[in-house]
C-alpha atoms as a PDB file:
ATOM      1  CA  UNK A   1    -113.261   1.372  23.641  1.00  0.00           C
ATOM      2  CA  UNK A   2    -111.256  -0.770  21.340  1.00  0.00           C
ATOM      3  CA  UNK A   3    -108.110   0.540  19.856  1.00  0.00           C
ATOM      4  CA  UNK A   4    -106.871  -0.631  16.416  1.00  0.00           C
ATOM      5  CA  UNK A   5    -103.514  -0.399  14.932  1.00  0.00           C
ATOM      6  CA  UNK A   6    -103.117   2.618  12.680  1.00  0.00           C
ATOM      7  CA  UNK A   7    -100.526   2.693  10.021  1.00  0.00           C
ATOM      8  CA  UNK A   8     -99.215   6.203   9.752  1.00  0.00           C
ATOM      9  CA  UNK A   9     -96.022   7.878   8.751  1.00  0.00           C
ATOM     10  CA  UNK A  10     -94.920  11.370   9.550  1.00  0.00           C
ATOM     11  CA  UNK A  11     -93.854  13.329   6.456  1.00  0.00           C
ATOM     12  CA  UNK A  12     -92.175  16.666   6.094  1.00  0.00           C
ATOM     13  CA  UNK A  13     -92.648  16.770   2.307  1.00  0.00           C
ATOM     14  CA  UNK A  14     -95.207  15.007   0.044  1.00  0.00           C
ATOM     15  CA  UNK A  15     -94.031  11.753  -1.650  1.00  0.00           C
ATOM     16  CA  UNK A  16     -93.875  11.768  -5.438  1.00  0.00           C
ATOM     17  CA  UNK A  17     -96.593   9.058  -5.468  1.00  0.00           C
ATOM     18  CA  UNK A  18     -99.030  11.568  -3.731  1.00  0.00           C
ATOM     19  CA  UNK A  19    -100.126  13.066  -7.052  1.00  0.00           C
ATOM     20  CA  UNK A  20    -101.761   9.803  -8.233  1.00  0.00           C
ATOM     21  CA  UNK A  21    -105.275  10.700  -9.239  1.00  0.00           C
ATOM     22  CA  UNK A  22    -106.781   7.489  -7.696  1.00  0.00           C
ATOM     23  CA  UNK A  23    -105.485   8.483  -4.333  1.00  0.00           C
ATOM     24  CA  UNK A  24    -107.453  11.822  -4.210  1.00  0.00           C
ATOM     25  CA  UNK A  25    -111.088  11.721  -3.037  1.00  0.00           C
ATOM     26  CA  UNK A  26    -111.863   8.208  -4.302  1.00  0.00           C
ATOM     27  CA  UNK A  27    -115.546   7.451  -3.984  1.00  0.00           C
ATOM     28  CA  UNK A  28    -116.417   4.637  -1.624  1.00  0.00           C
ATOM     29  CA  UNK A  29    -118.538   1.899  -3.236  1.00  0.00           C
ATOM     30  CA  UNK A  30    -120.739   1.361  -0.231  1.00  0.00           C
ATOM     31  CA  UNK A  31    -120.684   5.079   1.078  1.00  0.00           C
ATOM     32  CA  UNK A  32    -118.563   3.989   4.116  1.00  0.00           C
ATOM     33  CA  UNK A  33    -116.280   6.393   5.779  1.00  0.00           C
ATOM     34  CA  UNK A  34    -114.191   7.228   8.837  1.00  0.00           C
ATOM     35  CA  UNK A  35    -113.968  10.473  10.732  1.00  0.00           C
ATOM     36  CA  UNK A  36    -111.043  12.639  11.560  1.00  0.00           C
ATOM     37  CA  UNK A  37    -111.630  15.211  14.210  1.00  0.00           C
ATOM     38  CA  UNK A  38    -109.627  18.025  15.918  1.00  0.00           C
ATOM     39  CA  UNK A  39    -110.648  19.359  19.397  1.00  0.00           C
ATOM     40  CA  UNK A  40    -109.976  22.887  20.772  1.00  0.00           C
ATOM     41  CA  UNK A  41    -109.110  21.306  24.149  1.00  0.00           C
ATOM     42  CA  UNK A  42    -107.187  17.915  23.714  1.00  0.00           C
ATOM     43  CA  UNK A  43    -105.527  16.371  26.748  1.00  0.00           C
ATOM     44  CA  UNK A  44    -102.616  18.733  27.574  1.00  0.00           C
ATOM     45  CA  UNK A  45    -101.704  16.364  30.423  1.00  0.00           C
ATOM     46  CA  UNK A  46    -100.276  14.135  27.565  1.00  0.00           C
ATOM     47  CA  UNK A  47     -98.698  17.161  25.882  1.00  0.00           C
ATOM     48  CA  UNK A  48    -101.245  17.117  23.170  1.00  0.00           C
ATOM     49  CA  UNK A  49    -102.452  20.455  21.954  1.00  0.00           C
ATOM     50  CA  UNK A  50    -105.021  21.691  19.433  1.00  0.00           C
ATOM     51  CA  UNK A  51    -104.039  21.369  15.774  1.00  0.00           C
ATOM     52  CA  UNK A  52    -106.020  22.561  12.768  1.00  0.00           C
ATOM     53  CA  UNK A  53    -106.343  20.772   9.365  1.00  0.00           C
ATOM     54  CA  UNK A  54    -105.229  22.800   6.333  1.00  0.00           C
ATOM     55  CA  UNK A  55    -105.617  20.333   3.565  1.00  0.00           C
ATOM     56  CA  UNK A  56    -106.513  16.683   2.874  1.00  0.00           C
ATOM     57  CA  UNK A  57    -104.973  14.859  -0.072  1.00  0.00           C
ATOM     58  CA  UNK A  58    -103.800  18.192  -1.466  1.00  0.00           C
ATOM     59  CA  UNK A  59    -107.215  19.926  -1.285  1.00  0.00           C
ATOM     60  CA  UNK A  60    -107.539  22.882   0.989  1.00  0.00           C
ATOM     61  CA  UNK A  61    -110.383  22.575   3.562  1.00  0.00           C
ATOM     62  CA  UNK A  62    -112.532  25.143   5.190  1.00  0.00           C
ATOM     63  CA  UNK A  63    -110.780  26.653   8.151  1.00  0.00           C
ATOM     64  CA  UNK A  64    -112.645  26.150  11.405  1.00  0.00           C
ATOM     65  CA  UNK A  65    -114.013  22.787  10.390  1.00  0.00           C
ATOM     66  CA  UNK A  66    -113.402  20.255  13.172  1.00  0.00           C
ATOM     67  CA  UNK A  67    -114.764  16.972  11.746  1.00  0.00           C
ATOM     68  CA  UNK A  68    -113.937  15.391   8.398  1.00  0.00           C
ATOM     69  CA  UNK A  69    -115.588  12.329   6.869  1.00  0.00           C
ATOM     70  CA  UNK A  70    -113.120  10.493   4.645  1.00  0.00           C
ATOM     71  CA  UNK A  71    -113.245   7.328   2.504  1.00  0.00           C
ATOM     72  CA  UNK A  72    -111.540   4.339   3.736  1.00  0.00           C
ATOM     73  CA  UNK A  73    -107.852   4.088   2.858  1.00  0.00           C
ATOM     74  CA  UNK A  74    -104.709   6.219   3.228  1.00  0.00           C
ATOM     75  CA  UNK A  75    -105.006   9.970   3.354  1.00  0.00           C
ATOM     76  CA  UNK A  76    -102.446  12.660   3.630  1.00  0.00           C
ATOM     77  CA  UNK A  77    -103.422  15.522   5.964  1.00  0.00           C
ATOM     78  CA  UNK A  78    -101.575  18.791   6.372  1.00  0.00           C
ATOM     79  CA  UNK A  79    -101.799  19.745  10.052  1.00  0.00           C
ATOM     80  CA  UNK A  80    -100.968  23.097  11.553  1.00  0.00           C
ATOM     81  CA  UNK A  81    -100.074  23.220  15.217  1.00  0.00           C
ATOM     82  CA  UNK A  82    -101.789  25.669  17.540  1.00  0.00           C
ATOM     83  CA  UNK A  83     -99.632  24.998  20.481  1.00  0.00           C
ATOM     84  CA  UNK A  84    -100.049  27.524  23.343  1.00  0.00           C
ATOM     85  CA  UNK A  85     -97.220  26.931  25.659  1.00  0.00           C
ATOM     86  CA  UNK A  86     -95.358  29.488  27.738  1.00  0.00           C
ATOM     87  CA  UNK A  87     -92.037  27.890  27.123  1.00  0.00           C
ATOM     88  CA  UNK A  88     -92.212  28.592  23.384  1.00  0.00           C
ATOM     89  CA  UNK A  89     -91.161  32.055  22.137  1.00  0.00           C
ATOM     90  CA  UNK A  90     -92.774  32.634  18.855  1.00  0.00           C
ATOM     91  CA  UNK A  91     -91.078  34.814  16.263  1.00  0.00           C
ATOM     92  CA  UNK A  92     -92.791  35.507  13.006  1.00  0.00           C
ATOM     93  CA  UNK A  93     -91.455  33.364  10.135  1.00  0.00           C
ATOM     94  CA  UNK A  94     -89.131  31.416  12.454  1.00  0.00           C
ATOM     95  CA  UNK A  95     -91.220  28.305  13.170  1.00  0.00           C
ATOM     96  CA  UNK A  96     -92.117  25.311  11.075  1.00  0.00           C
ATOM     97  CA  UNK A  97     -95.679  24.954  12.281  1.00  0.00           C
ATOM     98  CA  UNK A  98     -97.095  22.599   9.757  1.00  0.00           C
ATOM     99  CA  UNK A  99     -96.406  18.911   8.931  1.00  0.00           C
ATOM    100  CA  UNK A 100     -98.002  16.027   7.044  1.00  0.00           C
ATOM    101  CA  UNK A 101     -99.354  12.892   8.545  1.00  0.00           C
ATOM    102  CA  UNK A 102    -100.685   9.879   6.580  1.00  0.00           C
ATOM    103  CA  UNK A 103    -103.546   8.115   8.220  1.00  0.00           C
ATOM    104  CA  UNK A 104    -105.086   4.833   7.174  1.00  0.00           C
ATOM    105  CA  UNK A 105    -108.790   5.463   7.642  1.00  0.00           C
ATOM    106  CA  UNK A 106    -111.018   2.416   8.406  1.00  0.00           C
ATOM    107  CA  UNK A 107    -114.765   2.564   7.918  1.00  0.00           C
ATOM    108  CA  UNK A 108    -116.782   3.470  11.006  1.00  0.00           C
ATOM    109  CA  UNK A 109    -113.793   4.642  13.107  1.00  0.00           C
ATOM    110  CA  UNK A 110    -112.931   8.058  14.391  1.00  0.00           C
ATOM    111  CA  UNK A 111    -109.436   9.467  14.621  1.00  0.00           C
ATOM    112  CA  UNK A 112    -108.750  12.237  17.084  1.00  0.00           C
ATOM    113  CA  UNK A 113    -105.837  14.369  15.752  1.00  0.00           C
ATOM    114  CA  UNK A 114    -103.621  16.765  17.620  1.00  0.00           C
ATOM    115  CA  UNK A 115    -100.213  18.296  17.916  1.00  0.00           C
ATOM    116  CA  UNK A 116     -97.830  16.574  20.357  1.00  0.00           C
ATOM    117  CA  UNK A 117     -95.484  19.041  22.023  1.00  0.00           C
ATOM    118  CA  UNK A 118     -91.981  17.660  22.498  1.00  0.00           C
ATOM    119  CA  UNK A 119     -90.849  19.638  25.475  1.00  0.00           C
ATOM    120  CA  UNK A 120     -87.212  18.626  25.281  1.00  0.00           C
ATOM    121  CA  UNK A 121     -86.977  20.057  21.690  1.00  0.00           C
ATOM    122  CA  UNK A 122     -88.772  23.317  22.478  1.00  0.00           C
ATOM    123  CA  UNK A 123     -85.810  25.303  21.222  1.00  0.00           C
ATOM    124  CA  UNK A 124     -85.752  23.609  17.782  1.00  0.00           C
ATOM    125  CA  UNK A 125     -88.325  25.874  16.136  1.00  0.00           C
ATOM    126  CA  UNK A 126     -86.812  26.244  12.749  1.00  0.00           C
ATOM    127  CA  UNK A 127     -86.568  22.535  12.171  1.00  0.00           C
ATOM    128  CA  UNK A 128     -89.966  21.761  13.554  1.00  0.00           C
ATOM    129  CA  UNK A 129     -88.587  19.211  15.990  1.00  0.00           C
ATOM    130  CA  UNK A 130     -90.642  20.745  18.813  1.00  0.00           C
ATOM    131  CA  UNK A 131     -93.889  19.052  17.777  1.00  0.00           C
ATOM    132  CA  UNK A 132     -95.312  16.143  15.863  1.00  0.00           C
ATOM    133  CA  UNK A 133     -98.833  15.527  14.393  1.00  0.00           C
ATOM    134  CA  UNK A 134    -100.441  12.481  16.163  1.00  0.00           C
ATOM    135  CA  UNK A 135    -103.617  10.492  16.295  1.00  0.00           C
ATOM    136  CA  UNK A 136    -104.058  10.401  20.003  1.00  0.00           C
ATOM    137  CA  UNK A 137    -107.142   8.469  20.173  1.00  0.00           C
ATOM    138  CA  UNK A 138    -109.174   6.121  18.047  1.00  0.00           C
ATOM    139  CA  UNK A 139    -112.661   4.813  18.603  1.00  0.00           C
ATOM    140  CA  UNK A 140    -115.587   3.311  16.669  1.00  0.00           C
ATOM    141  CA  UNK A 141    -118.112   5.783  15.299  1.00  0.00           C
ATOM    142  CA  UNK A 142    -120.749   5.408  12.708  1.00  0.00           C
ATOM    143  CA  UNK A 143    -120.081   7.242   9.375  1.00  0.00           C
ATOM    144  CA  UNK A 144    -121.892   7.298   6.114  1.00  0.00           C
ATOM    145  CA  UNK A 145    -121.101   9.495   3.104  1.00  0.00           C
ATOM    146  CA  UNK A 146    -124.669   8.971   1.618  1.00  0.00           C
END
């Protein structure tokens, strides 16, 4: 398995340039794509927990979907953490449980997405410092939009 460098930034709000029409759902000339996946049971030994995808490039996606084929290039994904950890006391409306991550998708690559639990910040629920969306694994995987 060969890992490639991924350019990504963690965002708490969408940048102004996000609204550019050419950034949203650009069609790939050769139907190439990359895959973003979420797993119900990522490696908790690395403090990685399940995360769901709410939207990609501002477009809401079907809940329950676990694999997304995306055109090569940068995409902004709204991630919702689903951390099940005994040390977290959840109170309705208290937590910031979604964040944005920008992922640079390469053709024929798969990006496994999750929520990294930051144990030392477990009491910082309102600011969302207790977790971070991460690509915890990359691998080569065939993908074709056609």
